[in-house]
Amino acid sequence: MNASHPFEALLVRALRGGVRAMPWRRSLRFGAALGDLAHTLGIRRAVAEANLALAFPDRTAPERARILAAHYRQLGQVACEYARLGELVRAPAGQVIAEARGLEHLEEARRGGRGAILLTGHYGNFELVGAWLGQRHPVDFVTKPLSNSAVDTMRIRMLAEAEVGFIPLGPGVRRVFAALKKNRWVAMVADQDARDHGVFVPFLGRPSSTPVGPAALALRTGAPIVMGFATRREDGRHDLDVIPPLEMPGPDEADAVHALTARHAACLEAWVRKHPEMWLWLHRRWKTPPPGPVAVGREVLARPAAAGGAGGR
């Protein structure tokens, strides 16, 4: 166990208790202040600034700085909402989720009987919306266990309070197939660097190593990939947009997994470009370089064959 894990668990427990004692809107103000503090302290700010410069080279430095400041406030608000997930998903209509558009696509998937892969990115409070949908149809979150087991136990308990199932990524893959067979929905994210286990598809103008799991799962089971995005309004509430199921690759497409992965990456990119403050800029999304030449602008840079290697944050 990492020596810092007990202290981290204590902080999370204290934050959870303090936030749950506040009214939701006051906790949002507190979360925004936490985000401002993290921004001021420079927590992973250099990574985020570099990512924004790569993704939006046409925007001015002050514009990117405003996006990043808003993003830190958003992260603080999400952290405070997570502490009271069960309460928020059962809030009266319109109080937390202001408007939900496209729910008919999920109803169509329900009638299809093969389950559905609810796919999004680290965009807005994606877990709140997944849990909110879980009040309407059984949902399992497929996610990697946290390295801090005490914090992970608290996270699983909060998901249980929201009546959401949890399937650990990796050893739980059989449970994913079983869930889809029961016509459950499985919620996943697939927008972090996948190292040398992913496929390279365009994302925000650069080739990006992207997890193949959702595409491979959809192609194997026939479950549709339905993407959704939660965008926060200025008053703190969320708008949910559910997109029609992604078109499955045709028989003439040589690499179906690559094609479907590129489609969901392009869908996420469109939403990030519309609301950049909603996406997680603190992750080293382009850490793993693609093999061979890489096009950057009008130039082609040679990439050494040995440069492929590790990913992660």
C-alpha atoms as a PDB file:
ATOM      1  CA  MET A   1       0.000   0.000   0.000  1.00  0.00           C
ATOM      2  CA  ASN A   2       1.223   3.471  -0.855  1.00  0.00           C
ATOM      3  CA  ALA A   3       2.154   5.445   2.277  1.00  0.00           C
ATOM      4  CA  SER A   4      -0.109   8.324   1.223  1.00  0.00           C
ATOM      5  CA  HIS A   5      -3.224   6.159   0.781  1.00  0.00           C
ATOM      6  CA  PRO A   6      -4.529   6.416   4.393  1.00  0.00           C
ATOM      7  CA  PHE A   7      -4.227  10.219   4.269  1.00  0.00           C
ATOM      8  CA  GLU A   8      -5.983  10.307   0.870  1.00  0.00           C
ATOM      9  CA  ALA A   9      -8.797   8.141   2.224  1.00  0.00           C
ATOM     10  CA  LEU A  10      -9.162  10.443   5.243  1.00  0.00           C
ATOM     11  CA  LEU A  11      -9.409  13.510   2.981  1.00  0.00           C
ATOM     12  CA  VAL A  12     -12.025  11.863   0.769  1.00  0.00           C
ATOM     13  CA  ARG A  13     -14.050  10.761   3.792  1.00  0.00           C
ATOM     14  CA  ALA A  14     -13.934  14.280   5.261  1.00  0.00           C
ATOM     15  CA  LEU A  15     -14.891  15.884   1.939  1.00  0.00           C
ATOM     16  CA  ARG A  16     -17.757  13.463   1.506  1.00  0.00           C
ATOM     17  CA  GLY A  17     -19.100  14.162   4.984  1.00  0.00           C
ATOM     18  CA  GLY A  18     -18.772  17.922   4.664  1.00  0.00           C
ATOM     19  CA  VAL A  19     -20.362  18.118   1.233  1.00  0.00           C
ATOM     20  CA  ARG A  20     -23.306  15.919   2.173  1.00  0.00           C
ATOM     21  CA  ALA A  21     -24.055  18.287   5.060  1.00  0.00           C
ATOM     22  CA  MET A  22     -24.500  21.194   2.619  1.00  0.00           C
ATOM     23  CA  PRO A  23     -27.427  21.920   0.300  1.00  0.00           C
ATOM     24  CA  TRP A  24     -26.558  20.872  -3.243  1.00  0.00           C
ATOM     25  CA  ARG A  25     -26.234  24.396  -4.657  1.00  0.00           C
ATOM     26  CA  ARG A  26     -24.010  25.517  -1.805  1.00  0.00           C
ATOM     27  CA  SER A  27     -21.836  22.458  -2.384  1.00  0.00           C
ATOM     28  CA  LEU A  28     -21.474  23.508  -6.028  1.00  0.00           C
ATOM     29  CA  ARG A  29     -20.100  26.872  -4.916  1.00  0.00           C
ATOM     30  CA  PHE A  30     -17.753  25.074  -2.548  1.00  0.00           C
ATOM     31  CA  GLY A  31     -16.667  22.750  -5.382  1.00  0.00           C
ATOM     32  CA  ALA A  32     -15.971  25.674  -7.698  1.00  0.00           C
ATOM     33  CA  ALA A  33     -13.798  27.221  -4.971  1.00  0.00           C
ATOM     34  CA  LEU A  34     -11.910  23.926  -4.611  1.00  0.00           C
ATOM     35  CA  GLY A  35     -11.338  23.956  -8.349  1.00  0.00           C
ATOM     36  CA  ASP A  36     -10.031  27.514  -8.206  1.00  0.00           C
ATOM     37  CA  LEU A  37      -7.627  26.445  -5.462  1.00  0.00           C
ATOM     38  CA  ALA A  38      -6.368  23.469  -7.488  1.00  0.00           C
ATOM     39  CA  HIS A  39      -5.858  25.785 -10.453  1.00  0.00           C
ATOM     40  CA  THR A  40      -3.952  28.308  -8.325  1.00  0.00           C
ATOM     41  CA  LEU A  41      -1.771  25.564  -6.833  1.00  0.00           C
ATOM     42  CA  GLY A  42      -0.994  24.373 -10.345  1.00  0.00           C
ATOM     43  CA  ILE A  43      -2.127  20.770  -9.850  1.00  0.00           C
ATOM     44  CA  ARG A  44      -1.366  19.130 -13.238  1.00  0.00           C
ATOM     45  CA  ARG A  45      -1.776  22.559 -14.821  1.00  0.00           C
ATOM     46  CA  ALA A  46       1.295  22.202 -17.051  1.00  0.00           C
ATOM     47  CA  VAL A  47      -0.167  19.009 -18.559  1.00  0.00           C
ATOM     48  CA  ALA A  48      -3.522  20.678 -19.123  1.00  0.00           C
ATOM     49  CA  GLU A  49      -1.992  23.786 -20.696  1.00  0.00           C
ATOM     50  CA  ALA A  50       0.086  21.660 -23.073  1.00  0.00           C
ATOM     51  CA  ASN A  51      -2.987  19.628 -24.062  1.00  0.00           C
ATOM     52  CA  LEU A  52      -5.028  22.750 -24.766  1.00  0.00           C
ATOM     53  CA  ALA A  53      -2.227  24.194 -26.892  1.00  0.00           C
ATOM     54  CA  LEU A  54      -2.109  20.978 -28.939  1.00  0.00           C
ATOM     55  CA  ALA A  55      -5.881  20.765 -29.351  1.00  0.00           C
ATOM     56  CA  PHE A  56      -6.579  24.469 -29.999  1.00  0.00           C
ATOM     57  CA  PRO A  57      -3.514  26.024 -31.646  1.00  0.00           C
ATOM     58  CA  ASP A  58      -5.792  28.581 -33.315  1.00  0.00           C
ATOM     59  CA  ARG A  59      -7.013  30.002 -29.998  1.00  0.00           C
ATOM     60  CA  THR A  60      -5.149  32.691 -28.120  1.00  0.00           C
ATOM     61  CA  ALA A  61      -3.358  31.986 -24.850  1.00  0.00           C
ATOM     62  CA  PRO A  62      -5.927  34.042 -22.854  1.00  0.00           C
ATOM     63  CA  GLU A  63      -8.779  32.075 -24.451  1.00  0.00           C
ATOM     64  CA  ARG A  64      -7.175  28.770 -23.488  1.00  0.00           C
ATOM     65  CA  ALA A  65      -6.520  30.105 -19.978  1.00  0.00           C
ATOM     66  CA  ARG A  66     -10.223  30.918 -19.561  1.00  0.00           C
ATOM     67  CA  ILE A  67     -11.176  27.412 -20.696  1.00  0.00           C
ATOM     68  CA  LEU A  68      -8.783  25.872 -18.206  1.00  0.00           C
ATOM     69  CA  ALA A  69      -9.951  28.001 -15.279  1.00  0.00           C
ATOM     70  CA  ALA A  70     -13.568  27.032 -16.011  1.00  0.00           C
ATOM     71  CA  HIS A  71     -12.510  23.399 -16.292  1.00  0.00           C
ATOM     72  CA  TYR A  72     -10.944  23.344 -12.831  1.00  0.00           C
ATOM     73  CA  ARG A  73     -14.143  24.771 -11.350  1.00  0.00           C
ATOM     74  CA  GLN A  74     -16.120  22.094 -13.167  1.00  0.00           C
ATOM     75  CA  LEU A  75     -13.877  19.354 -11.721  1.00  0.00           C
ATOM     76  CA  GLY A  76     -14.416  20.660  -8.201  1.00  0.00           C
ATOM     77  CA  GLN A  77     -18.174  20.671  -8.712  1.00  0.00           C
ATOM     78  CA  VAL A  78     -18.132  17.109 -10.058  1.00  0.00           C
ATOM     79  CA  ALA A  79     -16.163  15.932  -7.016  1.00  0.00           C
ATOM     80  CA  CYS A  80     -18.744  17.438  -4.697  1.00  0.00           C
ATOM     81  CA  GLU A  81     -21.638  15.932  -6.636  1.00  0.00           C
ATOM     82  CA  TYR A  82     -20.069  12.493  -6.555  1.00  0.00           C
ATOM     83  CA  ALA A  83     -20.212  12.541  -2.765  1.00  0.00           C
ATOM     84  CA  ARG A  84     -24.024  12.699  -2.892  1.00  0.00           C
ATOM     85  CA  LEU A  85     -24.691  10.666  -6.025  1.00  0.00           C
ATOM     86  CA  GLY A  86     -27.585   8.667  -4.612  1.00  0.00           C
ATOM     87  CA  GLU A  87     -29.407  11.800  -3.511  1.00  0.00           C
ATOM     88  CA  LEU A  88     -28.956  13.633  -6.814  1.00  0.00           C
ATOM     89  CA  VAL A  89     -30.167  10.840  -9.096  1.00  0.00           C
ATOM     90  CA  ARG A  90     -33.430  10.715  -7.144  1.00  0.00           C
ATOM     91  CA  ALA A  91     -33.981  14.482  -7.122  1.00  0.00           C
ATOM     92  CA  PRO A  92     -37.319  15.797  -8.461  1.00  0.00           C
ATOM     93  CA  ALA A  93     -37.588  16.200 -12.224  1.00  0.00           C
ATOM     94  CA  GLY A  94     -35.775  19.281 -13.499  1.00  0.00           C
ATOM     95  CA  GLN A  95     -33.921  19.975 -10.254  1.00  0.00           C
ATOM     96  CA  VAL A  96     -30.547  18.416 -11.186  1.00  0.00           C
ATOM     97  CA  ILE A  97     -31.047  17.183 -14.753  1.00  0.00           C
ATOM     98  CA  ALA A  98     -32.563  20.226 -16.418  1.00  0.00           C
ATOM     99  CA  GLU A  99     -33.385  18.559 -19.728  1.00  0.00           C
ATOM    100  CA  ALA A 100     -32.784  15.124 -21.218  1.00  0.00           C
ATOM    101  CA  ARG A 101     -32.857  14.854 -24.996  1.00  0.00           C
ATOM    102  CA  GLY A 102     -32.682  11.699 -27.100  1.00  0.00           C
ATOM    103  CA  LEU A 103     -33.927   9.193 -24.522  1.00  0.00           C
ATOM    104  CA  GLU A 104     -35.871   7.513 -27.312  1.00  0.00           C
ATOM    105  CA  HIS A 105     -32.585   6.062 -28.585  1.00  0.00           C
ATOM    106  CA  LEU A 106     -32.154   4.212 -25.318  1.00  0.00           C
ATOM    107  CA  GLU A 107     -35.750   3.034 -25.405  1.00  0.00           C
ATOM    108  CA  GLU A 108     -35.080   1.624 -28.865  1.00  0.00           C
ATOM    109  CA  ALA A 109     -32.013  -0.186 -27.503  1.00  0.00           C
ATOM    110  CA  ARG A 110     -34.098  -1.594 -24.652  1.00  0.00           C
ATOM    111  CA  ARG A 111     -36.578  -3.026 -27.153  1.00  0.00           C
ATOM    112  CA  GLY A 112     -33.680  -4.533 -29.136  1.00  0.00           C
ATOM    113  CA  GLY A 113     -32.973  -6.882 -26.233  1.00  0.00           C
ATOM    114  CA  ARG A 114     -29.180  -6.980 -26.609  1.00  0.00           C
ATOM    115  CA  GLY A 115     -28.378  -4.418 -23.954  1.00  0.00           C
ATOM    116  CA  ALA A 116     -26.491  -1.260 -24.842  1.00  0.00           C
ATOM    117  CA  ILE A 117     -23.021   0.178 -24.417  1.00  0.00           C
ATOM    118  CA  LEU A 118     -23.471   3.654 -22.910  1.00  0.00           C
ATOM    119  CA  LEU A 119     -20.294   5.340 -24.045  1.00  0.00           C
ATOM    120  CA  THR A 120     -18.981   8.780 -23.246  1.00  0.00           C
ATOM    121  CA  GLY A 121     -15.714  10.433 -22.325  1.00  0.00           C
ATOM    122  CA  HIS A 122     -14.387  12.197 -19.251  1.00  0.00           C
ATOM    123  CA  TYR A 123     -16.808  14.970 -20.107  1.00  0.00           C
ATOM    124  CA  GLY A 124     -18.906  16.725 -17.482  1.00  0.00           C
ATOM    125  CA  ASN A 125     -20.346  14.630 -14.670  1.00  0.00           C
ATOM    126  CA  PHE A 126     -20.650  11.479 -16.758  1.00  0.00           C
ATOM    127  CA  GLU A 127     -21.129   9.250 -13.706  1.00  0.00           C
ATOM    128  CA  LEU A 128     -24.062  11.299 -12.416  1.00  0.00           C
ATOM    129  CA  VAL A 129     -25.840  10.973 -15.742  1.00  0.00           C
ATOM    130  CA  GLY A 130     -25.074   7.250 -16.006  1.00  0.00           C
ATOM    131  CA  ALA A 131     -26.532   6.745 -12.536  1.00  0.00           C
ATOM    132  CA  TRP A 132     -29.549   8.919 -13.442  1.00  0.00           C
ATOM    133  CA  LEU A 133     -30.211   6.676 -16.430  1.00  0.00           C
ATOM    134  CA  GLY A 134     -29.849   3.718 -14.081  1.00  0.00           C
ATOM    135  CA  GLN A 135     -33.055   4.854 -12.369  1.00  0.00           C
ATOM    136  CA  ARG A 136     -34.831   4.071 -15.650  1.00  0.00           C
ATOM    137  CA  HIS A 137     -33.100   0.825 -16.650  1.00  0.00           C
ATOM    138  CA  PRO A 138     -30.432  -1.347 -14.945  1.00  0.00           C
ATOM    139  CA  VAL A 139     -26.927   0.055 -15.545  1.00  0.00           C
ATOM    140  CA  ASP A 140     -23.498  -1.337 -14.679  1.00  0.00           C
ATOM    141  CA  PHE A 141     -20.418   0.903 -14.648  1.00  0.00           C
ATOM    142  CA  VAL A 142     -17.366  -0.753 -16.189  1.00  0.00           C
ATOM    143  CA  THR A 143     -14.315   0.950 -14.749  1.00  0.00           C
ATOM    144  CA  LYS A 144     -10.796   0.321 -13.537  1.00  0.00           C
ATOM    145  CA  PRO A 145     -10.463  -0.111  -9.758  1.00  0.00           C
ATOM    146  CA  LEU A 146      -8.625   2.737  -8.034  1.00  0.00           C
ATOM    147  CA  SER A 147      -5.136   2.064  -6.706  1.00  0.00           C
ATOM    148  CA  ASN A 148      -6.244   3.261  -3.258  1.00  0.00           C
ATOM    149  CA  SER A 149      -8.434   0.371  -2.100  1.00  0.00           C
ATOM    150  CA  ALA A 150     -10.035   2.366   0.735  1.00  0.00           C
ATOM    151  CA  VAL A 151     -11.117   5.143  -1.629  1.00  0.00           C
ATOM    152  CA  ASP A 152     -12.265   2.536  -4.153  1.00  0.00           C
ATOM    153  CA  THR A 153     -14.458   0.931  -1.490  1.00  0.00           C
ATOM    154  CA  MET A 154     -16.057   4.314  -0.803  1.00  0.00           C
ATOM    155  CA  ARG A 155     -16.628   4.836  -4.529  1.00  0.00           C
ATOM    156  CA  ILE A 156     -18.333   1.450  -4.907  1.00  0.00           C
ATOM    157  CA  ARG A 157     -20.500   2.227  -1.861  1.00  0.00           C
ATOM    158  CA  MET A 158     -21.582   5.547  -3.426  1.00  0.00           C
ATOM    159  CA  LEU A 159     -22.463   3.755  -6.669  1.00  0.00           C
ATOM    160  CA  ALA A 160     -24.498   1.255  -4.688  1.00  0.00           C
ATOM    161  CA  GLU A 161     -26.357   4.150  -3.007  1.00  0.00           C
ATOM    162  CA  ALA A 162     -27.253   5.312  -6.515  1.00  0.00           C
ATOM    163  CA  GLU A 163     -28.418   1.765  -7.369  1.00  0.00           C
ATOM    164  CA  VAL A 164     -25.722   1.299 -10.011  1.00  0.00           C
ATOM    165  CA  GLY A 165     -23.830  -1.943 -10.587  1.00  0.00           C
ATOM    166  CA  PHE A 166     -20.032  -2.048 -10.739  1.00  0.00           C
ATOM    167  CA  ILE A 167     -17.935  -4.287 -12.978  1.00  0.00           C
ATOM    168  CA  PRO A 168     -14.138  -4.032 -12.609  1.00  0.00           C
ATOM    169  CA  LEU A 169     -12.327  -3.550 -15.899  1.00  0.00           C
ATOM    170  CA  GLY A 170     -10.206  -6.574 -16.817  1.00  0.00           C
ATOM    171  CA  PRO A 171     -11.219  -9.479 -14.564  1.00  0.00           C
ATOM    172  CA  GLY A 172     -14.892  -8.568 -14.872  1.00  0.00           C
ATOM    173  CA  VAL A 173     -15.131  -8.912 -18.651  1.00  0.00           C
ATOM    174  CA  ARG A 174     -17.315 -12.040 -18.394  1.00  0.00           C
ATOM    175  CA  ARG A 175     -19.742 -10.085 -16.270  1.00  0.00           C
ATOM    176  CA  VAL A 176     -20.001  -7.480 -19.044  1.00  0.00           C
ATOM    177  CA  PHE A 177     -21.127 -10.135 -21.521  1.00  0.00           C
ATOM    178  CA  ALA A 178     -23.571 -11.511 -18.938  1.00  0.00           C
ATOM    179  CA  ALA A 179     -25.006  -8.041 -18.293  1.00  0.00           C
ATOM    180  CA  LEU A 180     -25.613  -7.387 -21.986  1.00  0.00           C
ATOM    181  CA  LYS A 181     -27.195 -10.825 -22.376  1.00  0.00           C
ATOM    182  CA  LYS A 182     -29.663  -9.795 -19.647  1.00  0.00           C
ATOM    183  CA  ASN A 183     -30.436  -6.631 -21.658  1.00  0.00           C
ATOM    184  CA  ARG A 184     -28.712  -4.407 -19.097  1.00  0.00           C
ATOM    185  CA  TRP A 185     -26.826  -1.275 -20.095  1.00  0.00           C
ATOM    186  CA  VAL A 186     -23.092  -1.071 -19.455  1.00  0.00           C
ATOM    187  CA  ALA A 187     -21.553   2.380 -19.066  1.00  0.00           C
ATOM    188  CA  MET A 188     -17.982   2.924 -20.238  1.00  0.00           C
ATOM    189  CA  VAL A 189     -15.470   5.677 -21.040  1.00  0.00           C
ATOM    190  CA  ALA A 190     -12.797   5.239 -23.708  1.00  0.00           C
ATOM    191  CA  ASP A 191     -10.957   8.520 -24.120  1.00  0.00           C
ATOM    192  CA  GLN A 192      -7.711   8.054 -22.210  1.00  0.00           C
ATOM    193  CA  ASP A 193      -4.327   7.057 -23.592  1.00  0.00           C
ATOM    194  CA  ALA A 194      -4.349   3.284 -24.214  1.00  0.00           C
ATOM    195  CA  ARG A 195      -0.571   2.941 -24.607  1.00  0.00           C
ATOM    196  CA  ASP A 196       0.318   0.176 -27.044  1.00  0.00           C
ATOM    197  CA  HIS A 197      -2.942  -1.691 -26.366  1.00  0.00           C
ATOM    198  CA  GLY A 198      -5.078   0.751 -28.364  1.00  0.00           C
ATOM    199  CA  VAL A 199      -5.549   1.781 -31.959  1.00  0.00           C
ATOM    200  CA  PHE A 200      -4.552   5.185 -33.280  1.00  0.00           C
ATOM    201  CA  VAL A 201      -7.478   7.282 -34.442  1.00  0.00           C
ATOM    202  CA  PRO A 202      -7.791  11.051 -34.928  1.00  0.00           C
ATOM    203  CA  PHE A 203      -8.826  13.039 -31.865  1.00  0.00           C
ATOM    204  CA  LEU A 204      -8.637  16.816 -31.687  1.00  0.00           C
ATOM    205  CA  GLY A 205      -6.351  16.929 -34.686  1.00  0.00           C
ATOM    206  CA  ARG A 206      -3.799  14.336 -33.562  1.00  0.00           C
ATOM    207  CA  PRO A 207      -3.462  10.538 -33.810  1.00  0.00           C
ATOM    208  CA  SER A 208      -4.440   9.198 -30.384  1.00  0.00           C
ATOM    209  CA  SER A 209      -4.014   5.740 -28.872  1.00  0.00           C
ATOM    210  CA  THR A 210      -7.604   4.817 -27.994  1.00  0.00           C
ATOM    211  CA  PRO A 211      -9.066   1.790 -26.165  1.00  0.00           C
ATOM    212  CA  VAL A 212     -10.637  -0.833 -28.431  1.00  0.00           C
ATOM    213  CA  GLY A 213     -12.897  -2.369 -25.777  1.00  0.00           C
ATOM    214  CA  PRO A 214     -16.238  -0.687 -26.612  1.00  0.00           C
ATOM    215  CA  ALA A 215     -15.910  -1.322 -30.346  1.00  0.00           C
ATOM    216  CA  ALA A 216     -14.788  -4.929 -29.897  1.00  0.00           C
ATOM    217  CA  LEU A 217     -17.608  -5.558 -27.428  1.00  0.00           C
ATOM    218  CA  ALA A 218     -20.252  -4.073 -29.730  1.00  0.00           C
ATOM    219  CA  LEU A 219     -19.052  -6.053 -32.725  1.00  0.00           C
ATOM    220  CA  ARG A 220     -18.982  -9.303 -30.769  1.00  0.00           C
ATOM    221  CA  THR A 221     -22.362  -8.963 -29.045  1.00  0.00           C
ATOM    222  CA  GLY A 222     -24.399  -6.840 -31.420  1.00  0.00           C
ATOM    223  CA  ALA A 223     -25.115  -4.375 -28.594  1.00  0.00           C
ATOM    224  CA  PRO A 224     -25.389  -0.814 -29.950  1.00  0.00           C
ATOM    225  CA  ILE A 225     -22.994   1.920 -28.849  1.00  0.00           C
ATOM    226  CA  VAL A 226     -25.123   4.825 -27.630  1.00  0.00           C
ATOM    227  CA  MET A 227     -23.181   7.935 -26.713  1.00  0.00           C
ATOM    228  CA  GLY A 228     -24.354  10.593 -24.285  1.00  0.00           C
ATOM    229  CA  PHE A 229     -23.010  13.880 -22.931  1.00  0.00           C
ATOM    230  CA  ALA A 230     -23.825  15.872 -19.793  1.00  0.00           C
ATOM    231  CA  THR A 231     -23.205  19.600 -20.169  1.00  0.00           C
ATOM    232  CA  ARG A 232     -23.520  21.828 -17.119  1.00  0.00           C
ATOM    233  CA  ARG A 233     -25.644  24.954 -17.328  1.00  0.00           C
ATOM    234  CA  GLU A 234     -24.643  28.208 -15.663  1.00  0.00           C
ATOM    235  CA  ASP A 235     -27.160  27.514 -12.877  1.00  0.00           C
ATOM    236  CA  GLY A 236     -25.371  24.244 -12.046  1.00  0.00           C
ATOM    237  CA  ARG A 237     -27.934  21.875 -13.540  1.00  0.00           C
ATOM    238  CA  HIS A 238     -27.094  19.451 -16.337  1.00  0.00           C
ATOM    239  CA  ASP A 239     -28.392  18.975 -19.861  1.00  0.00           C
ATOM    240  CA  LEU A 240     -28.196  15.389 -21.116  1.00  0.00           C
ATOM    241  CA  ASP A 241     -27.935  14.686 -24.838  1.00  0.00           C
ATOM    242  CA  VAL A 242     -28.208  11.076 -25.991  1.00  0.00           C
ATOM    243  CA  ILE A 243     -26.949  10.509 -29.537  1.00  0.00           C
ATOM    244  CA  PRO A 244     -28.417   7.958 -31.992  1.00  0.00           C
ATOM    245  CA  PRO A 245     -26.521   4.638 -31.930  1.00  0.00           C
ATOM    246  CA  LEU A 246     -23.247   4.718 -33.835  1.00  0.00           C
ATOM    247  CA  GLU A 247     -23.403   3.184 -37.282  1.00  0.00           C
ATOM    248  CA  MET A 248     -21.828  -0.252 -37.253  1.00  0.00           C
ATOM    249  CA  PRO A 249     -19.075  -0.878 -39.827  1.00  0.00           C
ATOM    250  CA  GLY A 250     -20.136  -2.516 -43.074  1.00  0.00           C
ATOM    251  CA  PRO A 251     -18.737  -5.778 -44.435  1.00  0.00           C
ATOM    252  CA  ASP A 252     -16.493  -3.883 -46.868  1.00  0.00           C
ATOM    253  CA  GLU A 253     -14.606  -2.081 -44.067  1.00  0.00           C
ATOM    254  CA  ALA A 254     -11.289  -3.854 -43.556  1.00  0.00           C
ATOM    255  CA  ASP A 255     -10.792  -3.141 -39.850  1.00  0.00           C
ATOM    256  CA  ALA A 256     -14.162  -2.881 -38.144  1.00  0.00           C
ATOM    257  CA  VAL A 257     -12.739  -2.261 -34.652  1.00  0.00           C
ATOM    258  CA  HIS A 258     -10.605   0.616 -35.919  1.00  0.00           C
ATOM    259  CA  ALA A 259     -13.499   2.114 -37.892  1.00  0.00           C
ATOM    260  CA  LEU A 260     -15.932   1.999 -34.967  1.00  0.00           C
ATOM    261  CA  THR A 261     -13.332   3.370 -32.543  1.00  0.00           C
ATOM    262  CA  ALA A 262     -12.702   6.285 -34.910  1.00  0.00           C
ATOM    263  CA  ARG A 263     -16.434   7.007 -34.990  1.00  0.00           C
ATOM    264  CA  HIS A 264     -16.858   7.278 -31.248  1.00  0.00           C
ATOM    265  CA  ALA A 265     -13.677   9.380 -30.952  1.00  0.00           C
ATOM    266  CA  ALA A 266     -15.022  11.769 -33.610  1.00  0.00           C
ATOM    267  CA  CYS A 267     -18.353  12.049 -31.794  1.00  0.00           C
ATOM    268  CA  LEU A 268     -16.637  12.957 -28.526  1.00  0.00           C
ATOM    269  CA  GLU A 269     -14.380  15.436 -30.320  1.00  0.00           C
ATOM    270  CA  ALA A 270     -17.398  17.306 -31.680  1.00  0.00           C
ATOM    271  CA  TRP A 271     -18.732  17.822 -28.151  1.00  0.00           C
ATOM    272  CA  VAL A 272     -15.343  18.791 -26.732  1.00  0.00           C
ATOM    273  CA  ARG A 273     -14.996  21.451 -29.408  1.00  0.00           C
ATOM    274  CA  LYS A 274     -18.418  22.851 -28.509  1.00  0.00           C
ATOM    275  CA  HIS A 275     -17.849  22.802 -24.737  1.00  0.00           C
ATOM    276  CA  PRO A 276     -14.097  22.448 -24.105  1.00  0.00           C
ATOM    277  CA  GLU A 277     -14.346  23.292 -20.402  1.00  0.00           C
ATOM    278  CA  MET A 278     -16.293  20.044 -19.877  1.00  0.00           C
ATOM    279  CA  TRP A 279     -13.491  17.650 -20.911  1.00  0.00           C
ATOM    280  CA  LEU A 280     -10.636  16.317 -18.759  1.00  0.00           C
ATOM    281  CA  TRP A 281      -7.533  18.221 -19.871  1.00  0.00           C
ATOM    282  CA  LEU A 282      -5.406  17.037 -16.946  1.00  0.00           C
ATOM    283  CA  HIS A 283      -4.773  13.607 -18.490  1.00  0.00           C
ATOM    284  CA  ARG A 284      -1.782  13.057 -20.821  1.00  0.00           C
ATOM    285  CA  ARG A 285      -4.017  12.081 -23.728  1.00  0.00           C
ATOM    286  CA  TRP A 286      -1.256  12.046 -26.359  1.00  0.00           C
ATOM    287  CA  LYS A 287       1.520  10.484 -24.297  1.00  0.00           C
ATOM    288  CA  THR A 288       1.882   7.433 -26.559  1.00  0.00           C
ATOM    289  CA  PRO A 289       3.258   8.494 -29.955  1.00  0.00           C
ATOM    290  CA  PRO A 290       2.137   6.610 -33.070  1.00  0.00           C
ATOM    291  CA  PRO A 291       4.678   4.532 -34.982  1.00  0.00           C
ATOM    292  CA  GLY A 292       6.062   5.857 -38.258  1.00  0.00           C
ATOM    293  CA  PRO A 293       5.692   9.377 -39.690  1.00  0.00           C
ATOM    294  CA  VAL A 294       3.240  11.741 -38.014  1.00  0.00           C
ATOM    295  CA  ALA A 295       1.577  14.567 -39.894  1.00  0.00           C
ATOM    296  CA  VAL A 296       1.624  17.853 -37.977  1.00  0.00           C
ATOM    297  CA  GLY A 297       0.153  20.747 -39.910  1.00  0.00           C
ATOM    298  CA  ARG A 298       1.805  20.637 -43.344  1.00  0.00           C
ATOM    299  CA  GLU A 299       4.927  18.890 -42.147  1.00  0.00           C
ATOM    300  CA  VAL A 300       5.627  15.203 -41.696  1.00  0.00           C
ATOM    301  CA  LEU A 301       7.899  14.352 -38.797  1.00  0.00           C
ATOM    302  CA  ALA A 302       9.780  11.066 -38.664  1.00  0.00           C
ATOM    303  CA  ARG A 303       8.978   9.034 -35.571  1.00  0.00           C
ATOM    304  CA  PRO A 304      11.689   6.635 -34.355  1.00  0.00           C
ATOM    305  CA  ALA A 305      10.467   3.043 -34.188  1.00  0.00           C
ATOM    306  CA  ALA A 306      11.472   2.743 -30.539  1.00  0.00           C
ATOM    307  CA  ALA A 307       9.341   5.683 -29.447  1.00  0.00           C
ATOM    308  CA  GLY A 308       6.143   3.699 -28.921  1.00  0.00           C
ATOM    309  CA  GLY A 309       6.082   2.740 -25.209  1.00  0.00           C
ATOM    310  CA  ALA A 310       4.276   3.715 -22.086  1.00  0.00           C
ATOM    311  CA  GLY A 311       1.129   5.686 -21.638  1.00  0.00           C
ATOM    312  CA  GLY A 312      -0.889   6.710 -18.616  1.00  0.00           C
ATOM    313  CA  ARG A 313      -1.286   9.970 -16.851  1.00  0.00           C
END
